[in-house]
C-alpha atoms as a PDB file:
ATOM      1  CA  MET A   1     -13.256 -15.769  40.478  1.00  0.00           C
ATOM      2  CA  LYS A   2     -15.221 -14.243  38.302  1.00  0.00           C
ATOM      3  CA  TRP A   3     -12.822 -11.506  37.574  1.00  0.00           C
ATOM      4  CA  MET A   4     -10.225 -14.002  36.178  1.00  0.00           C
ATOM      5  CA  SER A   5     -12.344 -14.403  33.431  1.00  0.00           C
ATOM      6  CA  TRP A   6     -13.391 -10.547  32.777  1.00  0.00           C
ATOM      7  CA  VAL A   7      -9.578 -10.173  33.008  1.00  0.00           C
ATOM      8  CA  GLY A   8      -8.470 -12.913  30.922  1.00  0.00           C
ATOM      9  CA  ALA A   9     -11.012 -12.070  27.994  1.00  0.00           C
ATOM     10  CA  GLY A  10      -9.349  -8.329  28.492  1.00  0.00           C
ATOM     11  CA  LEU A  11      -5.992  -9.895  27.741  1.00  0.00           C
ATOM     12  CA  LEU A  12      -7.173 -11.555  25.009  1.00  0.00           C
ATOM     13  CA  VAL A  13      -8.532  -8.633  23.320  1.00  0.00           C
ATOM     14  CA  VAL A  14      -5.476  -6.906  23.807  1.00  0.00           C
ATOM     15  CA  GLY A  15      -3.360  -9.379  22.341  1.00  0.00           C
ATOM     16  CA  LEU A  16      -5.250  -9.654  19.160  1.00  0.00           C
ATOM     17  CA  VAL A  17      -4.852  -6.004  19.104  1.00  0.00           C
ATOM     18  CA  ALA A  18      -1.401  -6.031  19.375  1.00  0.00           C
ATOM     19  CA  ALA A  19      -1.360  -9.073  16.460  1.00  0.00           C
ATOM     20  CA  GLY A  20      -3.066  -6.671  14.356  1.00  0.00           C
ATOM     21  CA  LEU A  21      -0.855  -4.179  14.717  1.00  0.00           C
ATOM     22  CA  SER A  22       2.564  -6.402  14.202  1.00  0.00           C
ATOM     23  CA  ALA A  23       1.105  -7.239  11.416  1.00  0.00           C
ATOM     24  CA  PHE A  24       1.187  -3.590  10.072  1.00  0.00           C
ATOM     25  CA  ALA A  25       4.312  -2.807  11.313  1.00  0.00           C
ATOM     26  CA  PHE A  26       5.767  -5.767   9.205  1.00  0.00           C
ATOM     27  CA  SER A  27       3.889  -4.907   6.238  1.00  0.00           C
ATOM     28  CA  ARG A  28       5.772  -1.470   6.837  1.00  0.00           C
ATOM     29  CA  ALA A  29       8.841  -2.626   7.526  1.00  0.00           C
ATOM     30  CA  GLY A  30       8.325  -5.008   4.308  1.00  0.00           C
ATOM     31  CA  GLU A  31       7.474  -1.491   1.918  1.00  0.00           C
ATOM     32  CA  THR A  32      10.719  -0.005   3.878  1.00  0.00           C
ATOM     33  CA  ALA A  33      12.672  -3.076   2.398  1.00  0.00           C
ATOM     34  CA  ALA A  34      11.666  -2.298  -0.833  1.00  0.00           C
ATOM     35  CA  ARG A  35      12.873   0.959  -0.964  1.00  0.00           C
ATOM     36  CA  ILE A  36      16.018   0.259   0.035  1.00  0.00           C
ATOM     37  CA  ASP A  37      16.426  -2.051  -2.636  1.00  0.00           C
ATOM     38  CA  ALA A  38      15.404   0.584  -5.024  1.00  0.00           C
ATOM     39  CA  SER A  39      17.781   3.031  -3.790  1.00  0.00           C
ATOM     40  CA  LEU A  40      21.007   0.900  -3.647  1.00  0.00           C
ATOM     41  CA  GLN A  41      19.579  -0.238  -7.369  1.00  0.00           C
ATOM     42  CA  ALA A  42      19.218   3.455  -8.572  1.00  0.00           C
ATOM     43  CA  SER A  43      22.232   4.244  -6.650  1.00  0.00           C
ATOM     44  CA  GLU A  44      24.467   1.392  -8.715  1.00  0.00           C
ATOM     45  CA  ASP A  45      22.824   2.221 -11.684  1.00  0.00           C
ATOM     46  CA  LEU A  46      24.087   5.554 -11.881  1.00  0.00           C
ATOM     47  CA  LEU A  47      27.411   4.761 -10.327  1.00  0.00           C
ATOM     48  CA  ARG A  48      27.604   2.759 -13.854  1.00  0.00           C
ATOM     49  CA  GLU A  49      26.580   5.159 -16.221  1.00  0.00           C
ATOM     50  CA  ALA A  50      29.153   7.370 -14.271  1.00  0.00           C
ATOM     51  CA  GLU A  51      31.463   4.998 -15.186  1.00  0.00           C
ATOM     52  CA  SER A  52      31.198   5.574 -18.857  1.00  0.00           C
ATOM     53  CA  ALA A  53      31.213   9.222 -18.799  1.00  0.00           C
ATOM     54  CA  LYS A  54      34.153   9.340 -16.571  1.00  0.00           C
ATOM     55  CA  GLU A  55      36.805  10.400 -19.549  1.00  0.00           C
ATOM     56  CA  SER A  56      34.186  11.935 -22.205  1.00  0.00           C
ATOM     57  CA  ASP A  57      32.165  14.525 -19.779  1.00  0.00           C
ATOM     58  CA  PRO A  58      34.020  15.281 -15.875  1.00  0.00           C
ATOM     59  CA  ALA A  59      30.603  17.449 -14.843  1.00  0.00           C
ATOM     60  CA  ARG A  60      28.396  14.628 -15.773  1.00  0.00           C
ATOM     61  CA  TYR A  61      30.493  12.225 -13.820  1.00  0.00           C
ATOM     62  CA  GLU A  62      30.551  14.497 -10.756  1.00  0.00           C
ATOM     63  CA  GLN A  63      26.898  15.028 -11.252  1.00  0.00           C
ATOM     64  CA  LEU A  64      26.246  11.670 -11.678  1.00  0.00           C
ATOM     65  CA  THR A  65      28.269  10.596  -8.625  1.00  0.00           C
ATOM     66  CA  GLY A  66      26.837  12.951  -6.392  1.00  0.00           C
ATOM     67  CA  GLU A  67      23.459  11.162  -7.330  1.00  0.00           C
ATOM     68  CA  ALA A  68      24.462   8.330  -6.688  1.00  0.00           C
ATOM     69  CA  GLY A  69      25.921   9.302  -3.292  1.00  0.00           C
ATOM     70  CA  ARG A  70      22.571  10.916  -2.127  1.00  0.00           C
ATOM     71  CA  ARG A  71      20.634   7.624  -3.328  1.00  0.00           C
ATOM     72  CA  ALA A  72      23.231   5.487  -1.122  1.00  0.00           C
ATOM     73  CA  GLN A  73      22.078   8.273   1.691  1.00  0.00           C
ATOM     74  CA  PHE A  74      18.585   7.604   1.500  1.00  0.00           C
ATOM     75  CA  ALA A  75      19.068   3.873   1.413  1.00  0.00           C
ATOM     76  CA  GLU A  76      20.930   4.590   4.582  1.00  0.00           C
ATOM     77  CA  LEU A  77      18.483   6.225   6.322  1.00  0.00           C
ATOM     78  CA  ASP A  78      15.681   4.028   4.906  1.00  0.00           C
ATOM     79  CA  GLN A  79      17.918   1.095   6.763  1.00  0.00           C
ATOM     80  CA  GLU A  80      17.399   3.094   9.625  1.00  0.00           C
ATOM     81  CA  GLU A  81      13.774   3.389   9.954  1.00  0.00           C
ATOM     82  CA  HIS A  82      13.288  -0.284   8.358  1.00  0.00           C
ATOM     83  CA  ASP A  83      15.389  -1.555  11.586  1.00  0.00           C
ATOM     84  CA  SER A  84      13.014   0.346  14.512  1.00  0.00           C
ATOM     85  CA  GLN A  85      10.271  -0.995  12.184  1.00  0.00           C
ATOM     86  CA  THR A  86      11.249  -4.390  12.688  1.00  0.00           C
ATOM     87  CA  GLN A  87      11.994  -4.071  16.310  1.00  0.00           C
ATOM     88  CA  GLY A  88       8.637  -2.445  16.937  1.00  0.00           C
ATOM     89  CA  ALA A  89       6.723  -5.295  15.249  1.00  0.00           C
ATOM     90  CA  GLN A  90       8.990  -8.233  17.159  1.00  0.00           C
ATOM     91  CA  LEU A  91       8.364  -6.190  20.144  1.00  0.00           C
ATOM     92  CA  LEU A  92       4.493  -6.087  19.133  1.00  0.00           C
ATOM     93  CA  ALA A  93       4.300  -9.916  18.588  1.00  0.00           C
ATOM     94  CA  ALA A  94       6.066 -10.317  21.924  1.00  0.00           C
ATOM     95  CA  GLY A  95       3.107  -8.630  23.488  1.00  0.00           C
ATOM     96  CA  ALA A  96       0.559 -10.222  21.463  1.00  0.00           C
ATOM     97  CA  VAL A  97       1.855 -13.997  22.455  1.00  0.00           C
ATOM     98  CA  ALA A  98       1.986 -12.756  26.042  1.00  0.00           C
ATOM     99  CA  GLY A  99      -1.507 -11.142  25.800  1.00  0.00           C
ATOM    100  CA  LEU A 100      -3.144 -14.407  24.273  1.00  0.00           C
ATOM    101  CA  ALA A 101      -0.945 -16.847  26.607  1.00  0.00           C
ATOM    102  CA  GLY A 102      -2.233 -15.071  29.769  1.00  0.00           C
ATOM    103  CA  GLY A 103      -5.472 -14.144  28.533  1.00  0.00           C
ATOM    104  CA  ALA A 104      -6.145 -17.983  27.832  1.00  0.00           C
ATOM    105  CA  GLY A 105      -4.425 -18.971  30.699  1.00  0.00           C
ATOM    106  CA  LEU A 106      -6.466 -16.517  33.199  1.00  0.00           C
ATOM    107  CA  LEU A 107      -9.780 -17.696  31.818  1.00  0.00           C
ATOM    108  CA  VAL A 108      -8.657 -21.859  32.157  1.00  0.00           C
ATOM    109  CA  ILE A 109      -8.060 -20.707  35.941  1.00  0.00           C
ATOM    110  CA  GLY A 110     -10.995 -19.139  36.155  1.00  0.00           C
ATOM    111  CA  ARG A 111     -13.291 -21.384  34.652  1.00  0.00           C
ATOM    112  CA  ARG A 112     -11.904 -24.196  36.746  1.00  0.00           C
ATOM    113  CA  ARG A 113     -12.045 -22.547  40.098  1.00  0.00           C
ATOM    114  CA  ALA A 114     -15.746 -21.408  39.220  1.00  0.00           C
ATOM    115  CA  ARG A 115     -16.830 -24.899  38.805  1.00  0.00           C
ATOM    116  CA  VAL A 116     -15.390 -26.181  42.376  1.00  0.00           C
END
């Protein structure tokens, strides 16, 4: 049953590659989360500044609220990207676990059958 050992080793390699890709995807999701936080913070700052300029400069108020709205939209789009990155990373992690478990199982079974 030498083929079981080869398939098991192949699955282990695939599982390790999937684990590496999963780590990369989680890293990208973390960067996107930081970008979301920065966009939301900028939007809040612009809204505070707009409130202080509301009475004295209505044109500036409109400009600042428009910019705050754009920043909030960027955060919303980044949130969708973050969700898809996180979901992809979770699927890759699940595939990595399955590949590693299946590969290890086939290696054990292949070696036991080779002894018998």
